[in-house]
């Protein structure tokens, strides 16, 4: 499932596109929380500049090999380079922002 979004960017001068892939396992509470939290972070910090691809490993287990997924949920930032991975439901917004390199670690 891809979710392109349009809107005003928090950083008007930036047009860098973000490609995010979220690996989940069915409709578990952690998977659903990860989807919700990711969409919230993207709307607040990447509005109009991101695309989310959600991959359910219960339906497509072979896809985990491509990004070397060892735990779920896992978010993979495909673009911009470099590739980054964040494991967990993304409920710690600050940690998610630092992991995505949207905010400097304090």
PDB file of N, CA and C in Angstrom:
ATOM      1  N   UNK A   1       0.850  -1.169   0.000  1.00  0.00           N
ATOM      2  CA  UNK A   1       0.000   0.000   0.000  1.00  0.00           C
ATOM      3  C   UNK A   1       0.894   1.229   0.000  1.00  0.00           C
ATOM      4  N   UNK A   2       0.777   2.045  -1.019  1.00  0.00           N
ATOM      5  CA  UNK A   2       1.535   3.280  -1.101  1.00  0.00           C
ATOM      6  C   UNK A   2       0.626   4.440  -0.752  1.00  0.00           C
ATOM      7  N   UNK A   3       1.171   5.411  -0.055  1.00  0.00           N
ATOM      8  CA  UNK A   3       0.385   6.564   0.358  1.00  0.00           C
ATOM      9  C   UNK A   3       1.124   7.846   0.015  1.00  0.00           C
ATOM     10  N   UNK A   4       0.981   8.339  -1.234  1.00  0.00           N
ATOM     11  CA  UNK A   4       1.603   9.619  -1.521  1.00  0.00           C
ATOM     12  C   UNK A   4       0.800  10.722  -0.856  1.00  0.00           C
ATOM     13  N   UNK A   5       1.484  11.746  -0.395  1.00  0.00           N
ATOM     14  CA  UNK A   5       0.807  12.838   0.301  1.00  0.00           C
ATOM     15  C   UNK A   5       1.184  14.154  -0.355  1.00  0.00           C
ATOM     16  N   UNK A   6       0.230  15.045  -0.373  1.00  0.00           N
ATOM     17  CA  UNK A   6       0.472  16.387  -0.879  1.00  0.00           C
ATOM     18  C   UNK A   6       0.134  17.383   0.198  1.00  0.00           C
ATOM     19  N   UNK A   7       0.822  18.479   0.211  1.00  0.00           N
ATOM     20  CA  UNK A   7       0.542  19.500   1.212  1.00  0.00           C
ATOM     21  C   UNK A   7       1.697  20.457   1.315  1.00  0.00           C
ATOM     22  N   UNK A   8       1.599  21.368   2.239  1.00  0.00           N
ATOM     23  CA  UNK A   8       2.656  22.332   2.451  1.00  0.00           C
ATOM     24  C   UNK A   8       3.741  21.729   3.317  1.00  0.00           C
ATOM     25  N   UNK A   9       4.958  21.933   2.917  1.00  0.00           N
ATOM     26  CA  UNK A   9       6.084  21.392   3.658  1.00  0.00           C
ATOM     27  C   UNK A   9       6.428  22.295   4.833  1.00  0.00           C
ATOM     28  N   UNK A  10       6.892  21.674   5.902  1.00  0.00           N
ATOM     29  CA  UNK A  10       7.374  22.439   7.049  1.00  0.00           C
ATOM     30  C   UNK A  10       8.606  23.247   6.647  1.00  0.00           C
ATOM     31  N   UNK A  11       9.358  22.725   5.688  1.00  0.00           N
ATOM     32  CA  UNK A  11      10.561  23.382   5.184  1.00  0.00           C
ATOM     33  C   UNK A  11      10.299  23.756   3.729  1.00  0.00           C
ATOM     34  N   UNK A  12       9.764  24.949   3.464  1.00  0.00           N
ATOM     35  CA  UNK A  12       9.333  25.316   2.126  1.00  0.00           C
ATOM     36  C   UNK A  12      10.416  25.225   1.059  1.00  0.00           C
ATOM     37  N   UNK A  13      11.671  25.425   1.411  1.00  0.00           N
ATOM     38  CA  UNK A  13      12.738  25.374   0.428  1.00  0.00           C
ATOM     39  C   UNK A  13      13.162  23.966   0.062  1.00  0.00           C
ATOM     40  N   UNK A  14      12.712  22.992   0.826  1.00  0.00           N
ATOM     41  CA  UNK A  14      13.144  21.617   0.614  1.00  0.00           C
ATOM     42  C   UNK A  14      12.118  20.853  -0.218  1.00  0.00           C
ATOM     43  N   UNK A  15      12.589  20.225  -1.289  1.00  0.00           N
ATOM     44  CA  UNK A  15      11.711  19.414  -2.118  1.00  0.00           C
ATOM     45  C   UNK A  15      12.173  17.965  -2.139  1.00  0.00           C
ATOM     46  N   UNK A  16      13.086  17.632  -1.255  1.00  0.00           N
ATOM     47  CA  UNK A  16      13.625  16.283  -1.198  1.00  0.00           C
ATOM     48  C   UNK A  16      12.513  15.275  -0.914  1.00  0.00           C
ATOM     49  N   UNK A  17      12.430  14.235  -1.756  1.00  0.00           N
ATOM     50  CA  UNK A  17      11.405  13.214  -1.593  1.00  0.00           C
ATOM     51  C   UNK A  17      11.903  12.123  -0.646  1.00  0.00           C
ATOM     52  N   UNK A  18      10.992  11.625   0.181  1.00  0.00           N
ATOM     53  CA  UNK A  18      11.296  10.575   1.134  1.00  0.00           C
ATOM     54  C   UNK A  18      10.529   9.323   0.756  1.00  0.00           C
ATOM     55  N   UNK A  19      11.231   8.209   0.641  1.00  0.00           N
ATOM     56  CA  UNK A  19      10.611   6.918   0.375  1.00  0.00           C
ATOM     57  C   UNK A  19      10.795   6.063   1.629  1.00  0.00           C
ATOM     58  N   UNK A  20       9.696   5.714   2.253  1.00  0.00           N
ATOM     59  CA  UNK A  20       9.717   4.967   3.505  1.00  0.00           C
ATOM     60  C   UNK A  20       9.000   3.638   3.327  1.00  0.00           C
ATOM     61  N   UNK A  21       9.590   2.596   3.863  1.00  0.00           N
ATOM     62  CA  UNK A  21       9.001   1.262   3.795  1.00  0.00           C
ATOM     63  C   UNK A  21       8.867   0.732   5.216  1.00  0.00           C
ATOM     64  N   UNK A  22       7.633   0.398   5.596  1.00  0.00           N
ATOM     65  CA  UNK A  22       7.359  -0.101   6.939  1.00  0.00           C
ATOM     66  C   UNK A  22       7.004  -1.575   6.858  1.00  0.00           C
ATOM     67  N   UNK A  23       7.805  -2.391   7.516  1.00  0.00           N
ATOM     68  CA  UNK A  23       7.544  -3.833   7.578  1.00  0.00           C
ATOM     69  C   UNK A  23       6.728  -4.133   8.824  1.00  0.00           C
ATOM     70  N   UNK A  24       5.603  -4.835   8.640  1.00  0.00           N
ATOM     71  CA  UNK A  24       4.720  -5.194   9.738  1.00  0.00           C
ATOM     72  C   UNK A  24       4.405  -6.683   9.670  1.00  0.00           C
ATOM     73  N   UNK A  25       3.672  -7.165  10.668  1.00  0.00           N
ATOM     74  CA  UNK A  25       3.221  -8.562  10.689  1.00  0.00           C
ATOM     75  C   UNK A  25       1.738  -8.576  11.011  1.00  0.00           C
ATOM     76  N   UNK A  26       0.920  -8.467   9.992  1.00  0.00           N
ATOM     77  CA  UNK A  26      -0.516  -8.499  10.190  1.00  0.00           C
ATOM     78  C   UNK A  26      -1.040  -7.248  10.871  1.00  0.00           C
ATOM     79  N   UNK A  27      -2.165  -7.410  11.556  1.00  0.00           N
ATOM     80  CA  UNK A  27      -2.846  -6.284  12.197  1.00  0.00           C
ATOM     81  C   UNK A  27      -2.628  -6.294  13.710  1.00  0.00           C
ATOM     82  N   UNK A  28      -1.405  -6.588  14.133  1.00  0.00           N
ATOM     83  CA  UNK A  28      -1.107  -6.615  15.561  1.00  0.00           C
ATOM     84  C   UNK A  28      -1.151  -5.190  16.111  1.00  0.00           C
ATOM     85  N   UNK A  29      -1.350  -5.043  17.422  1.00  0.00           N
ATOM     86  CA  UNK A  29      -1.349  -3.698  18.005  1.00  0.00           C
ATOM     87  C   UNK A  29      -0.067  -2.917  17.705  1.00  0.00           C
ATOM     88  N   UNK A  30       1.083  -3.585  17.760  1.00  0.00           N
ATOM     89  CA  UNK A  30       2.353  -2.889  17.471  1.00  0.00           C
ATOM     90  C   UNK A  30       2.427  -2.442  16.014  1.00  0.00           C
ATOM     91  N   UNK A  31       1.969  -3.300  15.108  1.00  0.00           N
ATOM     92  CA  UNK A  31       1.983  -2.942  13.686  1.00  0.00           C
ATOM     93  C   UNK A  31       1.060  -1.762  13.411  1.00  0.00           C
ATOM     94  N   UNK A  32      -0.144  -1.799  13.967  1.00  0.00           N
ATOM     95  CA  UNK A  32      -1.096  -0.711  13.772  1.00  0.00           C
ATOM     96  C   UNK A  32      -0.581   0.591  14.386  1.00  0.00           C
ATOM     97  N   UNK A  33       0.045   0.489  15.552  1.00  0.00           N
ATOM     98  CA  UNK A  33       0.621   1.678  16.195  1.00  0.00           C
ATOM     99  C   UNK A  33       1.744   2.252  15.337  1.00  0.00           C
ATOM    100  N   UNK A  34       2.573   1.389  14.764  1.00  0.00           N
ATOM    101  CA  UNK A  34       3.681   1.855  13.932  1.00  0.00           C
ATOM    102  C   UNK A  34       3.162   2.613  12.713  1.00  0.00           C
ATOM    103  N   UNK A  35       2.117   2.108  12.083  1.00  0.00           N
ATOM    104  CA  UNK A  35       1.539   2.773  10.912  1.00  0.00           C
ATOM    105  C   UNK A  35       0.997   4.147  11.309  1.00  0.00           C
ATOM    106  N   UNK A  36       0.235   4.178  12.387  1.00  0.00           N
ATOM    107  CA  UNK A  36      -0.359   5.434  12.865  1.00  0.00           C
ATOM    108  C   UNK A  36       0.719   6.451  13.231  1.00  0.00           C
ATOM    109  N   UNK A  37       1.728   6.002  13.987  1.00  0.00           N
ATOM    110  CA  UNK A  37       2.795   6.904  14.421  1.00  0.00           C
ATOM    111  C   UNK A  37       3.622   7.412  13.247  1.00  0.00           C
ATOM    112  N   UNK A  38       3.884   6.543  12.274  1.00  0.00           N
ATOM    113  CA  UNK A  38       4.658   6.957  11.104  1.00  0.00           C
ATOM    114  C   UNK A  38       3.901   8.015  10.308  1.00  0.00           C
ATOM    115  N   UNK A  39       2.612   7.801  10.100  1.00  0.00           N
ATOM    116  CA  UNK A  39       1.824   8.774   9.346  1.00  0.00           C
ATOM    117  C   UNK A  39       1.804  10.124  10.061  1.00  0.00           C
ATOM    118  N   UNK A  40       1.718  10.100  11.376  1.00  0.00           N
ATOM    119  CA  UNK A  40       1.713  11.345  12.154  1.00  0.00           C
ATOM    120  C   UNK A  40       3.038  12.092  11.993  1.00  0.00           C
ATOM    121  N   UNK A  41       4.154  11.381  12.137  1.00  0.00           N
ATOM    122  CA  UNK A  41       5.478  11.999  11.987  1.00  0.00           C
ATOM    123  C   UNK A  41       5.631  12.576  10.578  1.00  0.00           C
ATOM    124  N   UNK A  42       5.211  11.817   9.580  1.00  0.00           N
ATOM    125  CA  UNK A  42       5.356  12.281   8.194  1.00  0.00           C
ATOM    126  C   UNK A  42       4.515  13.522   7.924  1.00  0.00           C
ATOM    127  N   UNK A  43       3.276  13.534   8.403  1.00  0.00           N
ATOM    128  CA  UNK A  43       2.420  14.699   8.177  1.00  0.00           C
ATOM    129  C   UNK A  43       2.977  15.944   8.861  1.00  0.00           C
ATOM    130  N   UNK A  44       3.559  15.766  10.033  1.00  0.00           N
ATOM    131  CA  UNK A  44       4.077  16.906  10.778  1.00  0.00           C
ATOM    132  C   UNK A  44       5.418  17.413  10.260  1.00  0.00           C
ATOM    133  N   UNK A  45       6.235  16.527   9.696  1.00  0.00           N
ATOM    134  CA  UNK A  45       7.607  16.914   9.343  1.00  0.00           C
ATOM    135  C   UNK A  45       7.960  16.768   7.869  1.00  0.00           C
ATOM    136  N   UNK A  46       7.149  16.022   7.099  1.00  0.00           N
ATOM    137  CA  UNK A  46       7.480  15.781   5.692  1.00  0.00           C
ATOM    138  C   UNK A  46       6.291  16.013   4.772  1.00  0.00           C
ATOM    139  N   UNK A  47       5.336  16.806   5.188  1.00  0.00           N
ATOM    140  CA  UNK A  47       4.105  16.981   4.420  1.00  0.00           C
ATOM    141  C   UNK A  47       4.388  17.264   2.948  1.00  0.00           C
ATOM    142  N   UNK A  48       3.772  16.461   2.085  1.00  0.00           N
ATOM    143  CA  UNK A  48       3.917  16.647   0.649  1.00  0.00           C
ATOM    144  C   UNK A  48       5.176  16.074   0.047  1.00  0.00           C
ATOM    145  N   UNK A  49       6.032  15.479   0.882  1.00  0.00           N
ATOM    146  CA  UNK A  49       7.333  15.026   0.367  1.00  0.00           C
ATOM    147  C   UNK A  49       7.617  13.564   0.664  1.00  0.00           C
ATOM    148  N   UNK A  50       6.597  12.768   0.982  1.00  0.00           N
ATOM    149  CA  UNK A  50       6.894  11.393   1.366  1.00  0.00           C
ATOM    150  C   UNK A  50       5.938  10.401   0.725  1.00  0.00           C
ATOM    151  N   UNK A  51       6.413   9.169   0.680  1.00  0.00           N
ATOM    152  CA  UNK A  51       5.594   8.044   0.255  1.00  0.00           C
ATOM    153  C   UNK A  51       5.876   6.893   1.209  1.00  0.00           C
ATOM    154  N   UNK A  52       4.808   6.283   1.706  1.00  0.00           N
ATOM    155  CA  UNK A  52       4.935   5.158   2.630  1.00  0.00           C
ATOM    156  C   UNK A  52       4.481   3.893   1.927  1.00  0.00           C
ATOM    157  N   UNK A  53       5.311   2.875   2.006  1.00  0.00           N
ATOM    158  CA  UNK A  53       4.950   1.550   1.521  1.00  0.00           C
ATOM    159  C   UNK A  53       4.909   0.626   2.735  1.00  0.00           C
ATOM    160  N   UNK A  54       3.742   0.042   2.995  1.00  0.00           N
ATOM    161  CA  UNK A  54       3.605  -0.878   4.121  1.00  0.00           C
ATOM    162  C   UNK A  54       3.658  -2.292   3.573  1.00  0.00           C
ATOM    163  N   UNK A  55       4.564  -3.096   4.120  1.00  0.00           N
ATOM    164  CA  UNK A  55       4.726  -4.480   3.686  1.00  0.00           C
ATOM    165  C   UNK A  55       4.374  -5.397   4.848  1.00  0.00           C
ATOM    166  N   UNK A  56       3.341  -6.193   4.650  1.00  0.00           N
ATOM    167  CA  UNK A  56       2.895  -7.159   5.656  1.00  0.00           C
ATOM    168  C   UNK A  56       3.653  -8.464   5.413  1.00  0.00           C
ATOM    169  N   UNK A  57       4.553  -8.785   6.334  1.00  0.00           N
ATOM    170  CA  UNK A  57       5.389  -9.979   6.149  1.00  0.00           C
ATOM    171  C   UNK A  57       4.620 -11.282   6.340  1.00  0.00           C
ATOM    172  N   UNK A  58       3.412 -11.213   6.886  1.00  0.00           N
ATOM    173  CA  UNK A  58       2.584 -12.424   6.932  1.00  0.00           C
ATOM    174  C   UNK A  58       2.095 -12.779   5.533  1.00  0.00           C
ATOM    175  N   UNK A  59       1.931 -11.777   4.683  1.00  0.00           N
ATOM    176  CA  UNK A  59       1.490 -11.990   3.300  1.00  0.00           C
ATOM    177  C   UNK A  59       2.666 -12.190   2.352  1.00  0.00           C
ATOM    178  N   UNK A  60       3.776 -11.500   2.607  1.00  0.00           N
ATOM    179  CA  UNK A  60       4.948 -11.543   1.720  1.00  0.00           C
ATOM    180  C   UNK A  60       6.231 -11.733   2.517  1.00  0.00           C
ATOM    181  N   UNK A  61       6.432 -12.889   3.146  1.00  0.00           N
ATOM    182  CA  UNK A  61       7.609 -13.070   4.012  1.00  0.00           C
ATOM    183  C   UNK A  61       8.946 -12.949   3.277  1.00  0.00           C
ATOM    184  N   UNK A  62       8.980 -13.247   1.985  1.00  0.00           N
ATOM    185  CA  UNK A  62      10.238 -13.192   1.239  1.00  0.00           C
ATOM    186  C   UNK A  62      10.760 -11.766   1.089  1.00  0.00           C
ATOM    187  N   UNK A  63       9.879 -10.780   1.213  1.00  0.00           N
ATOM    188  CA  UNK A  63      10.303  -9.386   1.048  1.00  0.00           C
ATOM    189  C   UNK A  63      11.209  -8.918   2.188  1.00  0.00           C
ATOM    190  N   UNK A  64      11.205  -9.615   3.306  1.00  0.00           N
ATOM    191  CA  UNK A  64      12.058  -9.237   4.439  1.00  0.00           C
ATOM    192  C   UNK A  64      13.533  -9.372   4.087  1.00  0.00           C
ATOM    193  N   UNK A  65      13.841 -10.270   3.188  1.00  0.00           N
ATOM    194  CA  UNK A  65      15.241 -10.511   2.824  1.00  0.00           C
ATOM    195  C   UNK A  65      15.873  -9.295   2.149  1.00  0.00           C
ATOM    196  N   UNK A  66      15.108  -8.583   1.318  1.00  0.00           N
ATOM    197  CA  UNK A  66      15.636  -7.438   0.569  1.00  0.00           C
ATOM    198  C   UNK A  66      16.277  -6.400   1.480  1.00  0.00           C
ATOM    199  N   UNK A  67      15.603  -6.076   2.574  1.00  0.00           N
ATOM    200  CA  UNK A  67      16.108  -5.053   3.492  1.00  0.00           C
ATOM    201  C   UNK A  67      16.697  -5.646   4.762  1.00  0.00           C
ATOM    202  N   UNK A  68      16.927  -6.960   4.766  1.00  0.00           N
ATOM    203  CA  UNK A  68      17.533  -7.654   5.908  1.00  0.00           C
ATOM    204  C   UNK A  68      16.783  -7.339   7.202  1.00  0.00           C
ATOM    205  N   UNK A  69      15.489  -7.597   7.195  1.00  0.00           N
ATOM    206  CA  UNK A  69      14.638  -7.325   8.342  1.00  0.00           C
ATOM    207  C   UNK A  69      14.773  -8.461   9.354  1.00  0.00           C
ATOM    208  N   UNK A  70      15.088  -8.107  10.592  1.00  0.00           N
ATOM    209  CA  UNK A  70      15.257  -9.113  11.643  1.00  0.00           C
ATOM    210  C   UNK A  70      14.238  -8.955  12.764  1.00  0.00           C
ATOM    211  N   UNK A  71      13.523  -7.840  12.781  1.00  0.00           N
ATOM    212  CA  UNK A  71      12.508  -7.592  13.809  1.00  0.00           C
ATOM    213  C   UNK A  71      11.384  -6.778  13.173  1.00  0.00           C
ATOM    214  N   UNK A  72      10.195  -6.892  13.763  1.00  0.00           N
ATOM    215  CA  UNK A  72       9.075  -6.108  13.245  1.00  0.00           C
ATOM    216  C   UNK A  72       8.309  -5.488  14.400  1.00  0.00           C
ATOM    217  N   UNK A  73       7.735  -4.324  14.196  1.00  0.00           N
ATOM    218  CA  UNK A  73       7.818  -3.522  12.971  1.00  0.00           C
ATOM    219  C   UNK A  73       9.189  -2.867  12.794  1.00  0.00           C
ATOM    220  N   UNK A  74       9.576  -2.719  11.521  1.00  0.00           N
ATOM    221  CA  UNK A  74      10.813  -2.021  11.171  1.00  0.00           C
ATOM    222  C   UNK A  74      10.507  -1.023  10.064  1.00  0.00           C
ATOM    223  N   UNK A  75      10.982   0.197  10.257  1.00  0.00           N
ATOM    224  CA  UNK A  75      10.867   1.228   9.233  1.00  0.00           C
ATOM    225  C   UNK A  75      12.201   1.350   8.520  1.00  0.00           C
ATOM    226  N   UNK A  76      12.157   1.345   7.195  1.00  0.00           N
ATOM    227  CA  UNK A  76      13.364   1.525   6.386  1.00  0.00           C
ATOM    228  C   UNK A  76      13.206   2.809   5.584  1.00  0.00           C
ATOM    229  N   UNK A  77      14.149   3.727   5.766  1.00  0.00           N
ATOM    230  CA  UNK A  77      14.179   4.942   4.950  1.00  0.00           C
ATOM    231  C   UNK A  77      15.011   4.629   3.721  1.00  0.00           C
ATOM    232  N   UNK A  78      14.338   4.499   2.564  1.00  0.00           N
ATOM    233  CA  UNK A  78      15.021   4.190   1.310  1.00  0.00           C
ATOM    234  C   UNK A  78      15.631   5.452   0.695  1.00  0.00           C
ATOM    235  N   UNK A  79      14.887   6.532   0.742  1.00  0.00           N
ATOM    236  CA  UNK A  79      15.346   7.826   0.251  1.00  0.00           C
ATOM    237  C   UNK A  79      14.981   8.867   1.287  1.00  0.00           C
ATOM    238  N   UNK A  80      15.766   9.887   1.491  1.00  0.00           N
ATOM    239  CA  UNK A  80      17.071  10.138   0.874  1.00  0.00           C
ATOM    240  C   UNK A  80      18.152   9.216   1.450  1.00  0.00           C
ATOM    241  N   UNK A  81      19.229   9.091   0.684  1.00  0.00           N
ATOM    242  CA  UNK A  81      20.372   8.307   1.145  1.00  0.00           C
ATOM    243  C   UNK A  81      20.976   8.954   2.364  1.00  0.00           C
ATOM    244  N   UNK A  82      21.610   8.238   3.241  1.00  0.00           N
ATOM    245  CA  UNK A  82      21.788   6.787   3.259  1.00  0.00           C
ATOM    246  C   UNK A  82      20.544   6.098   3.812  1.00  0.00           C
ATOM    247  N   UNK A  83      20.440   4.798   3.505  1.00  0.00           N
ATOM    248  CA  UNK A  83      19.348   3.986   4.038  1.00  0.00           C
ATOM    249  C   UNK A  83      19.466   3.944   5.559  1.00  0.00           C
ATOM    250  N   UNK A  84      18.343   4.114   6.249  1.00  0.00           N
ATOM    251  CA  UNK A  84      18.313   4.067   7.722  1.00  0.00           C
ATOM    252  C   UNK A  84      17.202   3.120   8.137  1.00  0.00           C
ATOM    253  N   UNK A  85      17.376   2.452   9.276  1.00  0.00           N
ATOM    254  CA  UNK A  85      16.367   1.538   9.807  1.00  0.00           C
ATOM    255  C   UNK A  85      16.030   1.909  11.241  1.00  0.00           C
ATOM    256  N   UNK A  86      14.751   1.820  11.555  1.00  0.00           N
ATOM    257  CA  UNK A  86      14.287   2.052  12.920  1.00  0.00           C
ATOM    258  C   UNK A  86      13.380   0.887  13.284  1.00  0.00           C
ATOM    259  N   UNK A  87      13.699   0.214  14.372  1.00  0.00           N
ATOM    260  CA  UNK A  87      12.902  -0.921  14.841  1.00  0.00           C
ATOM    261  C   UNK A  87      11.976  -0.443  15.948  1.00  0.00           C
ATOM    262  N   UNK A  88      10.715  -0.871  15.884  1.00  0.00           N
ATOM    263  CA  UNK A  88       9.760  -0.529  16.932  1.00  0.00           C
ATOM    264  C   UNK A  88       8.519   0.126  16.365  1.00  0.00           C
ATOM    265  N   UNK A  89       7.602   0.500  17.261  1.00  0.00           N
ATOM    266  CA  UNK A  89       6.317   1.047  16.822  1.00  0.00           C
ATOM    267  C   UNK A  89       6.330   2.558  16.633  1.00  0.00           C
ATOM    268  N   UNK A  90       7.499   3.182  16.755  1.00  0.00           N
ATOM    269  CA  UNK A  90       7.691   4.615  16.516  1.00  0.00           C
ATOM    270  C   UNK A  90       6.911   5.485  17.498  1.00  0.00           C
ATOM    271  N   UNK A  91       6.558   4.919  18.653  1.00  0.00           N
ATOM    272  CA  UNK A  91       5.808   5.692  19.654  1.00  0.00           C
ATOM    273  C   UNK A  91       6.675   6.764  20.316  1.00  0.00           C
ATOM    274  N   UNK A  92       7.982   6.561  20.322  1.00  0.00           N
ATOM    275  CA  UNK A  92       8.897   7.586  20.829  1.00  0.00           C
ATOM    276  C   UNK A  92       9.226   8.513  19.661  1.00  0.00           C
ATOM    277  N   UNK A  93       8.443   9.577  19.544  1.00  0.00           N
ATOM    278  CA  UNK A  93       8.558  10.481  18.393  1.00  0.00           C
ATOM    279  C   UNK A  93       9.954  11.063  18.268  1.00  0.00           C
ATOM    280  N   UNK A  94      10.539  11.471  19.375  1.00  0.00           N
ATOM    281  CA  UNK A  94      11.880  12.058  19.342  1.00  0.00           C
ATOM    282  C   UNK A  94      12.896  11.064  18.775  1.00  0.00           C
ATOM    283  N   UNK A  95      12.826   9.816  19.228  1.00  0.00           N
ATOM    284  CA  UNK A  95      13.731   8.775  18.741  1.00  0.00           C
ATOM    285  C   UNK A  95      13.512   8.523  17.246  1.00  0.00           C
ATOM    286  N   UNK A  96      12.247   8.542  16.817  1.00  0.00           N
ATOM    287  CA  UNK A  96      11.930   8.342  15.403  1.00  0.00           C
ATOM    288  C   UNK A  96      12.502   9.479  14.559  1.00  0.00           C
ATOM    289  N   UNK A  97      12.368  10.717  15.024  1.00  0.00           N
ATOM    290  CA  UNK A  97      12.889  11.863  14.285  1.00  0.00           C
ATOM    291  C   UNK A  97      14.407  11.820  14.180  1.00  0.00           C
ATOM    292  N   UNK A  98      15.062  11.449  15.262  1.00  0.00           N
ATOM    293  CA  UNK A  98      16.521  11.317  15.243  1.00  0.00           C
ATOM    294  C   UNK A  98      16.921  10.172  14.313  1.00  0.00           C
ATOM    295  N   UNK A  99      16.214   9.045  14.400  1.00  0.00           N
ATOM    296  CA  UNK A  99      16.518   7.894  13.550  1.00  0.00           C
ATOM    297  C   UNK A  99      16.353   8.192  12.071  1.00  0.00           C
ATOM    298  N   UNK A 100      15.356   9.003  11.750  1.00  0.00           N
ATOM    299  CA  UNK A 100      15.129   9.388  10.347  1.00  0.00           C
ATOM    300  C   UNK A 100      16.038  10.542   9.931  1.00  0.00           C
ATOM    301  N   UNK A 101      16.771  11.077  10.857  1.00  0.00           N
ATOM    302  CA  UNK A 101      17.651  12.229  10.660  1.00  0.00           C
ATOM    303  C   UNK A 101      16.856  13.478  10.304  1.00  0.00           C
ATOM    304  N   UNK A 102      15.694  13.609  10.930  1.00  0.00           N
ATOM    305  CA  UNK A 102      14.892  14.827  10.806  1.00  0.00           C
ATOM    306  C   UNK A 102      15.207  15.792  11.934  1.00  0.00           C
ATOM    307  N   UNK A 103      15.885  15.284  12.950  1.00  0.00           N
ATOM    308  CA  UNK A 103      16.250  16.112  14.094  1.00  0.00           C
ATOM    309  C   UNK A 103      17.605  15.615  14.612  1.00  0.00           C
ATOM    310  N   UNK A 104      18.416  16.546  15.081  1.00  0.00           N
ATOM    311  CA  UNK A 104      19.708  16.191  15.653  1.00  0.00           C
ATOM    312  C   UNK A 104      19.518  15.577  17.026  1.00  0.00           C
ATOM    313  N   UNK A 105      20.345  14.616  17.365  1.00  0.00           N
ATOM    314  CA  UNK A 105      20.295  14.001  18.704  1.00  0.00           C
ATOM    315  C   UNK A 105      20.734  15.031  19.734  1.00  0.00           C
ATOM    316  N   UNK A 106      19.948  15.135  20.825  1.00  0.00           N
ATOM    317  CA  UNK A 106      20.289  16.135  21.843  1.00  0.00           C
ATOM    318  C   UNK A 106      20.942  15.512  23.041  1.00  0.00           C
TER     319      UNK A 106
END
